[in-house]
Amino acid sequence: MPSRTLTPTNGLRSYPNLLVAVRNSLLHGQQKIEEARVLTYLETGRLINEHVRLNGGRAEYGAQVISRLARDLKIARTTLYQCTQFARYFPIVRHGGQLVWAHYRLFCQVDDEAQREALVEQTVKNHWTSPELQDRVREFNARDPDAGNAGDETISQRSSRPKPLSPKRGTVGVYRVVASGGGLAVDLGFTSYVDLPTTTKWREGSLVRLDSDGNFVAANDASKCDLYTYRAEVLRVVDGDTLWMKIYLEPGRWVKEKLRLRGLDCPELATSEGKTAKRLVNGLVAQARGVTITTSKPDKWDRYLSDVYLAQESGDDLFLNNHLLAAGQARRMDEYALTDWDGDLSKPE
């Protein structure tokens, strides 16, 4: 660790001395900031986990608490979720400042404790940066955990890469006016409607959006392709292709739905391949800065299908459906079996 002793003033006449002094000051300060960040996030996660434990420990309650804290503290829900994972996986932080928060956030994407600990030791030994570690975590999460060594055949190697899906992405906040009894209503989606007054100027089929005052105005630049698109939160990953979602229909109104990813099928959760797919989705959701979904009408079993987009730190959006296909964790399908729709949000992980 660099010395904190101040450089004598007369030594600063020399630019090389100034360069060394400023470099040491910056490195020391940055290290202290990272150490404080790690300890802060650890304590934050510990507090949330303890609160949830004292209130029954259910996964659904934990998701509700994180959403409420995110709203009240104006902090990203993803950050709070990562804190709770961090506190569960690393109740004691070792390695004396060699690892930063970016490292720990990536470690938490590896569910297997032995594999996670091995990855920590390798990172410390090899002085991996967080981008270098990210490549290894992605490689591990795309591999069958029961396959043995890294040279064994992976899921993506056992099947040809399927053709990507054509994304169905609309615009958040665009709605359609529909007939409702003897009048008209705005269809918010998921069988939720807002009745319009009998004197409304809108006609059946009109596309509208809410203005800043909460009034419906014409969405003149929108088309039918913009409909049924929402901001959402992932409450729980059931398996690789099924998620419980909190879906915001409009400000102050939301619904909870279990959605199936459109156009694909992941292996059964009871298999090692299914566990790998679920772990991959959990990791991607944990990193996401936000979630946007576009839903299709229910399939023949009355299940809503969805295209899911995860906002990345880079500013880009990751199309989850195609990512699973490209990673070899899913196959394209148009029909689904009832047996892979099991799961109850009220049951803990």
Protein backbone atom coordinates (compact mmCIF):
# COMPACT_ATOMS: atom_id res chain seq x y z
CA MET A 1 0.00 0.00 0.00
CA PRO A 2 1.46 3.43 -0.88
CA SER A 3 2.58 5.65 1.95
CA ARG A 4 0.27 8.39 3.16
CA THR A 5 3.20 10.64 4.10
CA LEU A 6 2.86 13.97 2.36
CA THR A 7 5.55 14.80 -0.16
CA PRO A 8 7.68 17.78 0.94
CA THR A 9 6.64 20.89 -0.90
CA ASN A 10 10.08 21.51 -2.37
CA GLY A 11 9.98 18.02 -3.90
CA LEU A 12 7.00 19.03 -6.03
CA ARG A 13 9.15 21.34 -8.14
CA SER A 14 10.09 18.24 -10.10
CA TYR A 15 7.38 16.93 -12.46
CA PRO A 16 8.51 13.27 -12.05
CA ASN A 17 8.11 13.68 -8.28
CA LEU A 18 4.66 15.20 -8.82
CA LEU A 19 3.69 12.30 -11.09
CA VAL A 20 4.69 9.73 -8.46
CA ALA A 21 2.94 11.64 -5.67
CA VAL A 22 -0.33 12.09 -7.58
CA ARG A 23 -0.32 8.46 -8.76
CA ASN A 24 0.16 7.21 -5.19
CA SER A 25 -2.53 9.54 -3.89
CA LEU A 26 -5.05 8.46 -6.52
CA LEU A 27 -4.35 4.75 -6.13
CA HIS A 28 -4.62 4.94 -2.36
CA GLY A 29 -7.86 6.91 -2.55
CA GLN A 30 -9.42 4.62 -5.14
CA GLN A 31 -8.51 1.57 -3.08
CA LYS A 32 -10.14 3.05 0.01
CA ILE A 33 -13.26 3.93 -1.99
CA GLU A 34 -13.53 0.36 -3.30
CA GLU A 35 -13.00 -1.12 0.16
CA ALA A 36 -15.77 1.13 1.52
CA ARG A 37 -18.08 0.19 -1.37
CA VAL A 38 -17.60 -3.54 -0.76
CA LEU A 39 -18.27 -3.21 2.99
CA THR A 40 -21.26 -0.93 2.40
CA TYR A 41 -22.90 -3.35 -0.02
CA LEU A 42 -22.15 -6.27 2.29
CA GLU A 43 -23.86 -4.58 5.24
CA THR A 44 -26.79 -3.47 3.06
CA GLY A 45 -27.37 -7.03 1.89
CA ARG A 46 -27.04 -8.38 5.42
CA LEU A 47 -29.69 -5.95 6.72
CA ILE A 48 -32.17 -6.81 3.96
CA ASN A 49 -31.63 -10.57 4.31
CA GLU A 50 -32.11 -10.40 8.07
CA HIS A 51 -35.33 -8.40 7.69
CA VAL A 52 -36.71 -10.92 5.19
CA ARG A 53 -35.69 -13.82 7.47
CA LEU A 54 -37.50 -12.25 10.44
CA ASN A 55 -40.63 -11.96 8.28
CA GLY A 56 -40.80 -15.55 7.11
CA GLY A 57 -38.01 -15.66 4.53
CA ARG A 58 -40.29 -16.04 1.47
CA ALA A 59 -38.83 -15.16 -1.92
CA GLU A 60 -41.95 -13.17 -2.86
CA TYR A 61 -41.70 -11.02 0.28
CA GLY A 62 -38.01 -10.42 -0.38
CA ALA A 63 -38.77 -9.20 -3.91
CA GLN A 64 -41.45 -6.85 -2.55
CA VAL A 65 -39.06 -5.42 0.06
CA ILE A 66 -36.35 -4.79 -2.53
CA SER A 67 -38.84 -3.04 -4.84
CA ARG A 68 -40.09 -0.86 -1.99
CA LEU A 69 -36.58 0.07 -0.85
CA ALA A 70 -35.58 0.88 -4.43
CA ARG A 71 -38.54 3.23 -4.76
CA ASP A 72 -38.12 4.93 -1.38
CA LEU A 73 -34.33 5.28 -1.58
CA LYS A 74 -34.28 6.04 -5.32
CA ILE A 75 -31.68 3.35 -5.90
CA ALA A 76 -31.61 0.67 -8.59
CA ARG A 77 -33.48 -2.50 -7.63
CA THR A 78 -30.71 -4.49 -9.31
CA THR A 79 -28.12 -3.05 -6.93
CA LEU A 80 -30.14 -4.06 -3.88
CA TYR A 81 -30.68 -7.55 -5.24
CA GLN A 82 -26.94 -7.89 -5.86
CA CYS A 83 -26.29 -6.77 -2.27
CA THR A 84 -28.50 -9.54 -0.90
CA GLN A 85 -26.75 -12.13 -3.07
CA PHE A 86 -23.37 -10.81 -1.98
CA ALA A 87 -24.24 -11.08 1.71
CA ARG A 88 -25.49 -14.66 1.28
CA TYR A 89 -22.46 -15.84 -0.67
CA PHE A 90 -19.78 -13.82 1.13
CA PRO A 91 -20.73 -13.29 4.79
CA ILE A 92 -17.03 -12.64 5.45
CA VAL A 93 -14.92 -10.65 2.97
CA ARG A 94 -11.29 -11.70 2.73
CA HIS A 95 -8.35 -10.91 0.44
CA GLY A 96 -7.69 -7.47 1.92
CA GLY A 97 -8.77 -5.14 -0.85
CA GLN A 98 -7.42 -7.23 -3.74
CA LEU A 99 -10.98 -7.69 -5.02
CA VAL A 100 -13.40 -4.88 -5.85
CA TRP A 101 -17.19 -4.75 -6.08
CA ALA A 102 -17.12 -5.53 -9.80
CA HIS A 103 -15.41 -8.84 -8.96
CA TYR A 104 -17.87 -9.81 -6.24
CA ARG A 105 -20.86 -8.96 -8.42
CA LEU A 106 -19.59 -11.44 -11.00
CA PHE A 107 -18.79 -14.14 -8.43
CA CYS A 108 -22.42 -14.02 -7.30
CA GLN A 109 -23.52 -15.23 -10.73
CA VAL A 110 -22.00 -18.64 -9.95
CA ASP A 111 -24.42 -20.65 -7.79
CA ASP A 112 -22.16 -23.60 -7.00
CA GLU A 113 -20.20 -22.77 -3.84
CA ALA A 114 -17.14 -24.89 -4.66
CA GLN A 115 -16.91 -23.47 -8.18
CA ARG A 116 -17.36 -19.95 -6.85
CA GLU A 117 -14.59 -20.34 -4.27
CA ALA A 118 -12.26 -21.81 -6.90
CA LEU A 119 -12.98 -18.83 -9.15
CA VAL A 120 -12.19 -16.41 -6.30
CA GLU A 121 -8.84 -18.07 -5.65
CA GLN A 122 -7.95 -18.08 -9.35
CA THR A 123 -8.86 -14.40 -9.65
CA VAL A 124 -6.63 -13.45 -6.72
CA LYS A 125 -3.77 -15.66 -7.91
CA ASN A 126 -3.87 -14.45 -11.51
CA HIS A 127 -4.79 -10.81 -10.74
CA TRP A 128 -7.73 -10.93 -13.14
CA THR A 129 -9.47 -7.68 -13.89
CA SER A 130 -13.27 -7.64 -13.80
CA PRO A 131 -13.55 -7.87 -17.64
CA GLU A 132 -11.22 -10.90 -17.59
CA LEU A 133 -13.29 -12.46 -14.83
CA GLN A 134 -16.53 -11.75 -16.72
CA ASP A 135 -15.33 -13.83 -19.67
CA ARG A 136 -14.65 -16.79 -17.37
CA VAL A 137 -17.98 -16.49 -15.56
CA ARG A 138 -19.85 -16.45 -18.88
CA GLU A 139 -17.88 -19.47 -20.02
CA PHE A 140 -18.75 -21.33 -16.84
CA ASN A 141 -22.45 -20.43 -16.93
CA ALA A 142 -22.74 -21.67 -20.51
CA ARG A 143 -21.31 -25.05 -19.50
CA ASP A 144 -23.13 -28.08 -18.15
CA PRO A 145 -22.03 -28.19 -14.46
CA ASP A 146 -22.10 -32.01 -14.49
CA ALA A 147 -20.04 -32.34 -17.66
CA GLY A 148 -16.71 -32.74 -15.86
CA ASN A 149 -13.79 -30.77 -17.27
CA ALA A 150 -13.97 -27.80 -19.60
CA GLY A 151 -13.12 -29.95 -22.60
CA ASP A 152 -16.32 -31.99 -22.35
CA GLU A 153 -19.10 -31.43 -24.84
CA THR A 154 -21.40 -28.52 -24.04
CA ILE A 155 -25.06 -28.03 -24.87
CA SER A 156 -24.22 -25.59 -27.66
CA GLN A 157 -21.81 -28.12 -29.16
CA ARG A 158 -24.42 -30.89 -29.08
CA SER A 159 -26.97 -28.97 -31.12
CA SER A 160 -26.82 -26.74 -34.17
CA ARG A 161 -27.35 -23.08 -33.51
CA PRO A 162 -31.03 -22.25 -34.15
CA LYS A 163 -32.19 -19.37 -36.31
CA PRO A 164 -32.69 -16.20 -34.21
CA LEU A 165 -36.18 -14.92 -33.52
CA SER A 166 -37.38 -11.68 -35.07
CA PRO A 167 -37.83 -9.36 -32.07
CA LYS A 168 -41.30 -8.07 -31.31
CA ARG A 169 -40.68 -4.82 -29.50
CA GLY A 170 -43.19 -2.05 -29.17
CA THR A 171 -43.25 1.26 -27.30
CA VAL A 172 -43.96 1.56 -23.59
CA GLY A 173 -47.14 3.50 -22.85
CA VAL A 174 -49.10 3.03 -26.09
CA TYR A 175 -52.66 1.68 -25.72
CA ARG A 176 -55.66 0.92 -27.93
CA VAL A 177 -59.27 2.05 -27.55
CA VAL A 178 -61.69 -0.90 -27.63
CA ALA A 179 -65.44 -1.42 -27.42
CA SER A 180 -66.66 -2.17 -23.91
CA GLY A 181 -70.35 -2.96 -23.47
CA GLY A 182 -72.17 0.00 -24.84
CA GLY A 183 -69.18 2.33 -24.64
CA LEU A 184 -65.45 2.54 -25.11
CA ALA A 185 -62.43 1.80 -22.91
CA VAL A 186 -58.66 1.94 -23.10
CA ASP A 187 -57.15 -1.54 -23.14
CA LEU A 188 -54.11 -1.52 -20.85
CA GLY A 189 -53.41 -5.21 -21.45
CA PHE A 190 -53.75 -8.27 -19.20
CA THR A 191 -57.57 -7.78 -19.09
CA SER A 192 -57.22 -4.36 -17.47
CA TYR A 193 -59.28 -1.46 -18.86
CA VAL A 194 -60.03 2.19 -18.22
CA ASP A 195 -63.57 3.24 -19.14
CA LEU A 196 -63.88 6.37 -21.26
CA PRO A 197 -66.68 8.91 -20.83
CA THR A 198 -69.60 8.71 -23.22
CA THR A 199 -68.54 12.08 -24.65
CA THR A 200 -65.07 10.82 -25.59
CA LYS A 201 -63.60 11.94 -28.90
CA TRP A 202 -61.85 8.61 -29.42
CA ARG A 203 -63.06 5.90 -31.74
CA GLU A 204 -62.65 2.15 -31.49
CA GLY A 205 -59.17 1.26 -32.68
CA SER A 206 -57.62 4.65 -31.83
CA LEU A 207 -54.09 4.51 -30.37
CA VAL A 208 -53.46 6.70 -27.33
CA ARG A 209 -50.85 7.40 -24.66
CA LEU A 210 -50.82 9.19 -21.32
CA ASP A 211 -49.45 12.73 -21.11
CA SER A 212 -47.59 14.17 -18.11
CA ASP A 213 -50.93 15.14 -16.50
CA GLY A 214 -52.31 11.60 -16.73
CA ASN A 215 -54.69 12.32 -19.61
CA PHE A 216 -55.02 10.17 -22.71
CA VAL A 217 -53.79 11.90 -25.86
CA ALA A 218 -53.47 10.71 -29.44
CA ALA A 219 -50.42 8.55 -30.23
CA ASN A 220 -50.22 9.77 -33.80
CA ASP A 221 -46.77 8.35 -34.44
CA ALA A 222 -47.62 4.86 -33.14
CA SER A 223 -48.86 1.71 -34.85
CA LYS A 224 -50.29 -1.62 -33.68
CA CYS A 225 -46.73 -2.95 -33.42
CA ASP A 226 -46.17 -0.57 -30.48
CA LEU A 227 -48.86 -2.15 -28.30
CA TYR A 228 -48.50 -4.37 -25.21
CA THR A 229 -45.02 -3.22 -24.24
CA TYR A 230 -44.24 -2.50 -20.59
CA ARG A 231 -41.61 -1.76 -18.00
CA ALA A 232 -41.33 -4.73 -15.68
CA GLU A 233 -39.45 -6.30 -12.79
CA VAL A 234 -38.45 -9.95 -12.60
CA LEU A 235 -39.79 -11.31 -9.31
CA ARG A 236 -38.46 -14.82 -9.77
CA VAL A 237 -36.88 -16.97 -12.44
CA VAL A 238 -38.88 -20.22 -12.45
CA ASP A 239 -36.67 -21.86 -15.06
CA GLY A 240 -34.79 -20.87 -18.19
CA ASP A 241 -37.89 -19.85 -20.16
CA THR A 242 -40.44 -18.98 -17.46
CA LEU A 243 -40.45 -15.91 -15.21
CA TRP A 244 -42.73 -14.32 -12.67
CA MET A 245 -43.01 -10.61 -13.53
CA LYS A 246 -44.33 -7.45 -11.94
CA ILE A 247 -45.65 -5.54 -14.97
CA TYR A 248 -46.39 -1.81 -14.87
CA LEU A 249 -49.46 -1.16 -17.03
CA GLU A 250 -49.52 2.57 -16.28
CA PRO A 251 -48.29 4.78 -13.40
CA GLY A 252 -49.73 3.40 -10.17
CA ARG A 253 -51.15 0.22 -11.72
CA TRP A 254 -49.37 -3.11 -12.06
CA VAL A 255 -50.13 -6.81 -12.35
CA LYS A 256 -48.22 -9.95 -11.41
CA GLU A 257 -48.01 -12.54 -14.17
CA LYS A 258 -46.05 -15.66 -15.00
CA LEU A 259 -44.72 -15.27 -18.54
CA ARG A 260 -43.24 -17.75 -20.95
CA LEU A 261 -40.48 -16.59 -23.31
CA ARG A 262 -41.85 -16.56 -26.83
CA GLY A 263 -40.64 -18.98 -29.44
CA LEU A 264 -38.29 -21.18 -27.47
CA ASP A 265 -38.05 -24.05 -25.02
CA CYS A 266 -35.35 -24.62 -22.40
CA PRO A 267 -34.49 -28.05 -20.98
CA GLU A 268 -36.53 -29.35 -18.02
CA LEU A 269 -35.41 -27.92 -14.69
CA ALA A 270 -34.93 -31.43 -13.31
CA THR A 271 -32.00 -31.92 -15.71
CA SER A 272 -28.51 -30.48 -15.37
CA GLU A 273 -29.06 -28.63 -18.66
CA GLY A 274 -32.20 -27.03 -17.23
CA LYS A 275 -30.31 -25.90 -14.12
CA THR A 276 -27.61 -24.39 -16.35
CA ALA A 277 -30.20 -22.42 -18.34
CA LYS A 278 -31.85 -21.12 -15.16
CA ARG A 279 -28.49 -20.09 -13.73
CA LEU A 280 -27.67 -18.17 -16.91
CA VAL A 281 -30.99 -16.29 -16.80
CA ASN A 282 -30.58 -15.52 -13.09
CA GLY A 283 -27.16 -14.03 -13.76
CA LEU A 284 -28.36 -11.90 -16.66
CA VAL A 285 -31.36 -10.62 -14.69
CA ALA A 286 -29.14 -9.75 -11.72
CA GLN A 287 -26.94 -7.57 -13.97
CA ALA A 288 -29.79 -5.83 -15.78
CA ARG A 289 -30.38 -2.12 -15.19
CA GLY A 290 -34.00 -2.47 -16.24
CA VAL A 291 -36.47 -4.79 -17.94
CA THR A 292 -38.79 -4.13 -20.87
CA ILE A 293 -41.22 -6.71 -22.22
CA THR A 294 -43.50 -7.01 -25.21
CA THR A 295 -46.24 -9.59 -24.77
CA SER A 296 -48.14 -11.65 -27.30
CA LYS A 297 -51.66 -12.92 -26.85
CA PRO A 298 -51.96 -16.09 -24.78
CA ASP A 299 -51.25 -19.42 -26.43
CA LYS A 300 -53.78 -22.26 -26.58
CA TRP A 301 -53.18 -22.94 -22.86
CA ASP A 302 -54.00 -19.29 -22.08
CA ARG A 303 -50.41 -18.39 -21.21
CA TYR A 304 -48.94 -15.02 -22.10
CA LEU A 305 -45.81 -15.20 -24.25
CA SER A 306 -43.18 -12.51 -24.01
CA ASP A 307 -40.09 -10.98 -25.60
CA VAL A 308 -37.82 -9.82 -22.76
CA TYR A 309 -35.20 -7.09 -23.09
CA LEU A 310 -32.59 -6.51 -20.36
CA ALA A 311 -30.94 -3.08 -20.15
CA GLN A 312 -27.13 -3.37 -19.91
CA GLU A 313 -24.52 -1.10 -18.31
CA SER A 314 -23.28 -0.30 -21.81
CA GLY A 315 -26.65 1.27 -22.64
CA ASP A 316 -27.60 -1.52 -25.02
CA ASP A 317 -30.49 -3.94 -24.50
CA LEU A 318 -30.00 -7.70 -24.49
CA PHE A 319 -32.82 -9.66 -26.14
CA LEU A 320 -33.07 -12.54 -23.67
CA ASN A 321 -34.94 -14.92 -25.98
CA ASN A 322 -32.26 -14.82 -28.67
CA HIS A 323 -29.44 -14.85 -26.13
CA LEU A 324 -30.65 -18.19 -24.80
CA LEU A 325 -30.87 -19.59 -28.32
CA ALA A 326 -27.40 -18.32 -29.26
CA ALA A 327 -25.90 -19.71 -26.03
CA GLY A 328 -27.28 -23.17 -26.82
CA GLN A 329 -29.53 -23.13 -23.74
CA ALA A 330 -32.82 -23.35 -25.65
CA ARG A 331 -34.38 -24.60 -28.88
CA ARG A 332 -36.96 -22.90 -31.02
CA MET A 333 -40.51 -24.12 -30.50
CA ASP A 334 -44.02 -22.99 -31.27
CA GLU A 335 -45.83 -25.32 -28.91
CA TYR A 336 -45.20 -26.12 -25.27
CA ALA A 337 -46.05 -28.95 -22.92
CA LEU A 338 -48.18 -28.31 -19.86
CA THR A 339 -45.59 -30.05 -17.70
CA ASP A 340 -43.12 -27.18 -18.01
CA TRP A 341 -45.56 -24.60 -16.64
CA ASP A 342 -45.29 -25.78 -13.05
CA GLY A 343 -44.12 -23.46 -10.30
CA ASP A 344 -45.63 -21.22 -7.67
CA LEU A 345 -44.33 -17.74 -6.86
CA SER A 346 -45.23 -18.23 -3.20
CA LYS A 347 -42.77 -21.11 -2.88
CA PRO A 348 -39.21 -20.13 -1.94
CA GLU A 349 -36.27 -20.82 -4.22
